[in-house]
Amino acid sequence: ETCWYYSSSIVVNMYAINCEIKFKGNIHIAVQLFISKDIIIHHKLNFSLSPIQWNIQIHHDIPILLQQFKDKIDSFLKKKK
């Protein structure tokens, strides 16, 4: 899948998974771009950023486990009252 961006400013986190990112005009990403494997980035963007390699375990699995653990603690404390 190809995703086109036209002259704009992106001020959010952007996640790219198995796609090609192309740009027309001037693009500015103000925060972060997370990438996974199999990403093709337009040459205009390559010079202006340092992508953060997406690691599914660190960026997805572990936060989910931590949230589940917190929910269990909250549930336990609620029952204890």
N, C-alpha and C. Protein backbone atom coordinates (compact mmCIF):
# COMPACT_ATOMS: atom_id res chain seq x y z
N GLU A 1 0.84 -1.17 0.00
CA GLU A 1 0.00 0.00 0.00
C GLU A 1 0.89 1.24 0.00
N THR A 2 0.52 2.23 -0.79
CA THR A 2 1.26 3.48 -0.86
C THR A 2 0.46 4.59 -0.21
N CYS A 3 1.13 5.40 0.58
CA CYS A 3 0.48 6.51 1.27
C CYS A 3 1.15 7.81 0.81
N TRP A 4 0.38 8.71 0.20
CA TRP A 4 0.89 10.00 -0.27
C TRP A 4 0.60 11.09 0.74
N TYR A 5 1.56 11.96 0.98
CA TYR A 5 1.37 13.15 1.80
C TYR A 5 1.75 14.36 0.96
N TYR A 6 0.94 15.39 1.02
CA TYR A 6 1.20 16.63 0.29
C TYR A 6 1.64 17.69 1.27
N SER A 7 2.10 18.82 0.78
CA SER A 7 2.65 19.88 1.63
C SER A 7 1.86 20.02 2.93
N SER A 8 2.50 19.67 4.03
CA SER A 8 1.84 19.78 5.32
C SER A 8 2.84 19.63 6.45
N SER A 9 2.34 19.83 7.63
CA SER A 9 3.12 19.65 8.83
C SER A 9 2.43 18.57 9.65
N ILE A 10 3.15 17.53 10.02
CA ILE A 10 2.60 16.43 10.80
C ILE A 10 3.11 16.59 12.22
N VAL A 11 2.20 16.80 13.18
CA VAL A 11 2.60 17.09 14.55
C VAL A 11 2.11 16.00 15.49
N VAL A 12 2.17 14.77 15.04
CA VAL A 12 1.75 13.62 15.85
C VAL A 12 2.76 12.50 15.65
N ASN A 13 2.64 11.45 16.42
CA ASN A 13 3.44 10.26 16.15
C ASN A 13 2.86 9.58 14.93
N MET A 14 3.71 9.07 14.07
CA MET A 14 3.28 8.43 12.84
C MET A 14 3.85 7.02 12.82
N TYR A 15 3.01 6.03 12.58
CA TYR A 15 3.44 4.64 12.55
C TYR A 15 3.30 4.12 11.13
N ALA A 16 4.36 3.52 10.59
CA ALA A 16 4.34 2.99 9.23
C ALA A 16 4.60 1.49 9.30
N ILE A 17 3.67 0.71 8.77
CA ILE A 17 3.78 -0.75 8.81
C ILE A 17 3.51 -1.30 7.42
N ASN A 18 4.48 -1.99 6.84
CA ASN A 18 4.36 -2.63 5.53
C ASN A 18 3.74 -1.73 4.47
N CYS A 19 4.35 -0.58 4.22
CA CYS A 19 3.81 0.33 3.21
C CYS A 19 4.94 1.15 2.60
N GLU A 20 4.58 1.95 1.62
CA GLU A 20 5.50 2.89 1.01
C GLU A 20 4.97 4.29 1.30
N ILE A 21 5.85 5.17 1.75
CA ILE A 21 5.45 6.53 2.06
C ILE A 21 6.06 7.45 1.02
N LYS A 22 5.21 8.25 0.34
CA LYS A 22 5.69 9.18 -0.68
C LYS A 22 5.22 10.59 -0.33
N PHE A 23 5.99 11.58 -0.76
CA PHE A 23 5.68 12.97 -0.45
C PHE A 23 5.73 13.84 -1.68
N LYS A 24 4.85 14.84 -1.74
CA LYS A 24 4.88 15.89 -2.75
C LYS A 24 4.88 17.20 -1.99
N GLY A 25 5.79 18.08 -2.31
CA GLY A 25 5.87 19.34 -1.59
C GLY A 25 6.77 19.20 -0.37
N ASN A 26 6.64 20.13 0.54
CA ASN A 26 7.46 20.13 1.75
C ASN A 26 6.71 19.50 2.91
N ILE A 27 7.32 18.51 3.53
CA ILE A 27 6.71 17.80 4.65
C ILE A 27 7.60 18.00 5.87
N HIS A 28 6.97 18.24 7.00
CA HIS A 28 7.70 18.38 8.25
C HIS A 28 7.00 17.51 9.30
N ILE A 29 7.73 16.52 9.85
CA ILE A 29 7.20 15.68 10.92
C ILE A 29 7.81 16.20 12.22
N ALA A 30 6.96 16.74 13.09
CA ALA A 30 7.44 17.44 14.27
C ALA A 30 7.74 16.53 15.45
N VAL A 31 7.21 15.32 15.47
CA VAL A 31 7.41 14.49 16.64
C VAL A 31 8.21 13.25 16.26
N GLN A 32 7.56 12.13 15.96
CA GLN A 32 8.28 10.89 15.71
C GLN A 32 7.63 10.10 14.58
N LEU A 33 8.47 9.35 13.88
CA LEU A 33 8.01 8.39 12.88
C LEU A 33 8.55 7.03 13.29
N PHE A 34 7.66 6.10 13.62
CA PHE A 34 8.04 4.73 13.95
C PHE A 34 7.88 3.89 12.69
N ILE A 35 8.87 3.08 12.37
CA ILE A 35 8.78 2.25 11.18
C ILE A 35 8.95 0.78 11.54
N SER A 36 8.37 -0.09 10.72
CA SER A 36 8.57 -1.53 10.89
C SER A 36 9.38 -2.01 9.69
N LYS A 37 9.55 -3.31 9.58
CA LYS A 37 10.27 -3.84 8.42
C LYS A 37 9.43 -3.62 7.16
N ASP A 38 10.05 -3.73 6.02
CA ASP A 38 9.39 -3.62 4.72
C ASP A 38 8.80 -2.23 4.47
N ILE A 39 9.51 -1.19 4.87
CA ILE A 39 9.06 0.18 4.64
C ILE A 39 9.94 0.82 3.58
N ILE A 40 9.32 1.51 2.64
CA ILE A 40 10.03 2.29 1.65
C ILE A 40 9.70 3.75 1.93
N ILE A 41 10.73 4.57 2.17
CA ILE A 41 10.51 5.98 2.49
C ILE A 41 11.01 6.83 1.34
N HIS A 42 10.20 7.77 0.90
CA HIS A 42 10.53 8.68 -0.19
C HIS A 42 11.84 9.40 0.11
N HIS A 43 12.67 9.58 -0.91
CA HIS A 43 14.00 10.16 -0.72
C HIS A 43 13.97 11.55 -0.09
N LYS A 44 12.92 12.34 -0.31
CA LYS A 44 12.83 13.67 0.31
C LYS A 44 12.80 13.58 1.83
N LEU A 45 12.18 12.55 2.36
CA LEU A 45 12.07 12.39 3.80
C LEU A 45 13.31 11.76 4.41
N ASN A 46 13.98 10.89 3.66
CA ASN A 46 15.16 10.21 4.17
C ASN A 46 16.21 11.16 4.72
N PHE A 47 16.35 12.33 4.12
CA PHE A 47 17.39 13.26 4.53
C PHE A 47 17.02 14.06 5.77
N SER A 48 15.76 14.09 6.14
CA SER A 48 15.33 14.99 7.21
C SER A 48 14.96 14.30 8.52
N LEU A 49 15.12 12.99 8.63
CA LEU A 49 14.74 12.35 9.89
C LEU A 49 15.57 11.13 10.18
N SER A 50 15.49 10.71 11.42
CA SER A 50 16.10 9.46 11.86
C SER A 50 14.96 8.57 12.34
N PRO A 51 14.48 7.65 11.50
CA PRO A 51 13.34 6.81 11.90
C PRO A 51 13.66 5.96 13.12
N ILE A 52 12.64 5.66 13.91
CA ILE A 52 12.76 4.80 15.08
C ILE A 52 12.28 3.41 14.66
N GLN A 53 13.16 2.43 14.71
CA GLN A 53 12.78 1.08 14.29
C GLN A 53 11.73 0.53 15.25
N TRP A 54 10.58 0.16 14.72
CA TRP A 54 9.48 -0.40 15.51
C TRP A 54 9.84 -1.80 15.96
N ASN A 55 9.73 -2.05 17.24
CA ASN A 55 9.95 -3.37 17.80
C ASN A 55 8.63 -3.78 18.44
N ILE A 56 7.96 -4.78 17.86
CA ILE A 56 6.60 -5.14 18.31
C ILE A 56 6.57 -5.53 19.78
N GLN A 57 7.61 -6.17 20.27
CA GLN A 57 7.61 -6.58 21.67
C GLN A 57 7.72 -5.36 22.59
N ILE A 58 8.65 -4.47 22.28
CA ILE A 58 8.86 -3.30 23.14
C ILE A 58 7.72 -2.29 23.02
N HIS A 59 7.26 -2.03 21.80
CA HIS A 59 6.29 -0.96 21.58
C HIS A 59 4.84 -1.40 21.67
N HIS A 60 4.58 -2.71 21.67
CA HIS A 60 3.19 -3.17 21.74
C HIS A 60 2.97 -4.18 22.86
N ASP A 61 3.67 -5.30 22.80
CA ASP A 61 3.40 -6.41 23.72
C ASP A 61 3.65 -6.04 25.18
N ILE A 62 4.79 -5.45 25.48
CA ILE A 62 5.12 -5.12 26.87
C ILE A 62 4.16 -4.08 27.44
N PRO A 63 3.85 -2.99 26.72
CA PRO A 63 2.85 -2.05 27.27
C PRO A 63 1.49 -2.70 27.53
N ILE A 64 1.07 -3.64 26.68
CA ILE A 64 -0.20 -4.35 26.90
C ILE A 64 -0.12 -5.16 28.18
N LEU A 65 0.98 -5.89 28.38
CA LEU A 65 1.15 -6.68 29.60
C LEU A 65 1.17 -5.79 30.85
N LEU A 66 1.85 -4.66 30.76
CA LEU A 66 1.89 -3.74 31.90
C LEU A 66 0.50 -3.19 32.21
N GLN A 67 -0.28 -2.87 31.18
CA GLN A 67 -1.64 -2.38 31.40
C GLN A 67 -2.51 -3.46 32.04
N GLN A 68 -2.38 -4.71 31.57
CA GLN A 68 -3.15 -5.81 32.15
C GLN A 68 -2.78 -6.02 33.61
N PHE A 69 -1.50 -5.93 33.91
CA PHE A 69 -1.03 -6.07 35.29
C PHE A 69 -1.60 -4.95 36.16
N LYS A 70 -1.57 -3.72 35.68
CA LYS A 70 -2.14 -2.59 36.42
C LYS A 70 -3.63 -2.78 36.64
N ASP A 71 -4.35 -3.26 35.62
CA ASP A 71 -5.79 -3.50 35.75
C ASP A 71 -6.09 -4.55 36.82
N LYS A 72 -5.26 -5.60 36.88
CA LYS A 72 -5.45 -6.65 37.89
C LYS A 72 -5.21 -6.09 39.30
N ILE A 73 -4.18 -5.27 39.43
CA ILE A 73 -3.90 -4.65 40.74
C ILE A 73 -5.07 -3.76 41.15
N ASP A 74 -5.55 -2.93 40.22
CA ASP A 74 -6.68 -2.04 40.52
C ASP A 74 -7.91 -2.84 40.92
N SER A 75 -8.16 -3.93 40.21
CA SER A 75 -9.31 -4.79 40.51
C SER A 75 -9.18 -5.41 41.90
N PHE A 76 -7.99 -5.90 42.21
CA PHE A 76 -7.73 -6.50 43.51
C PHE A 76 -7.94 -5.48 44.63
N LEU A 77 -7.40 -4.28 44.46
CA LEU A 77 -7.54 -3.24 45.48
C LEU A 77 -8.99 -2.81 45.64
N LYS A 78 -9.73 -2.80 44.56
CA LYS A 78 -11.15 -2.43 44.62
C LYS A 78 -11.95 -3.48 45.39
N LYS A 79 -11.65 -4.77 45.15
CA LYS A 79 -12.34 -5.85 45.86
C LYS A 79 -11.98 -5.87 47.34
N LYS A 80 -10.76 -5.48 47.64
CA LYS A 80 -10.27 -5.50 49.01
C LYS A 80 -11.00 -4.47 49.89
N LYS A 81 -11.47 -3.38 49.29
CA LYS A 81 -12.16 -2.33 50.06
C LYS A 81 -13.46 -2.81 50.51
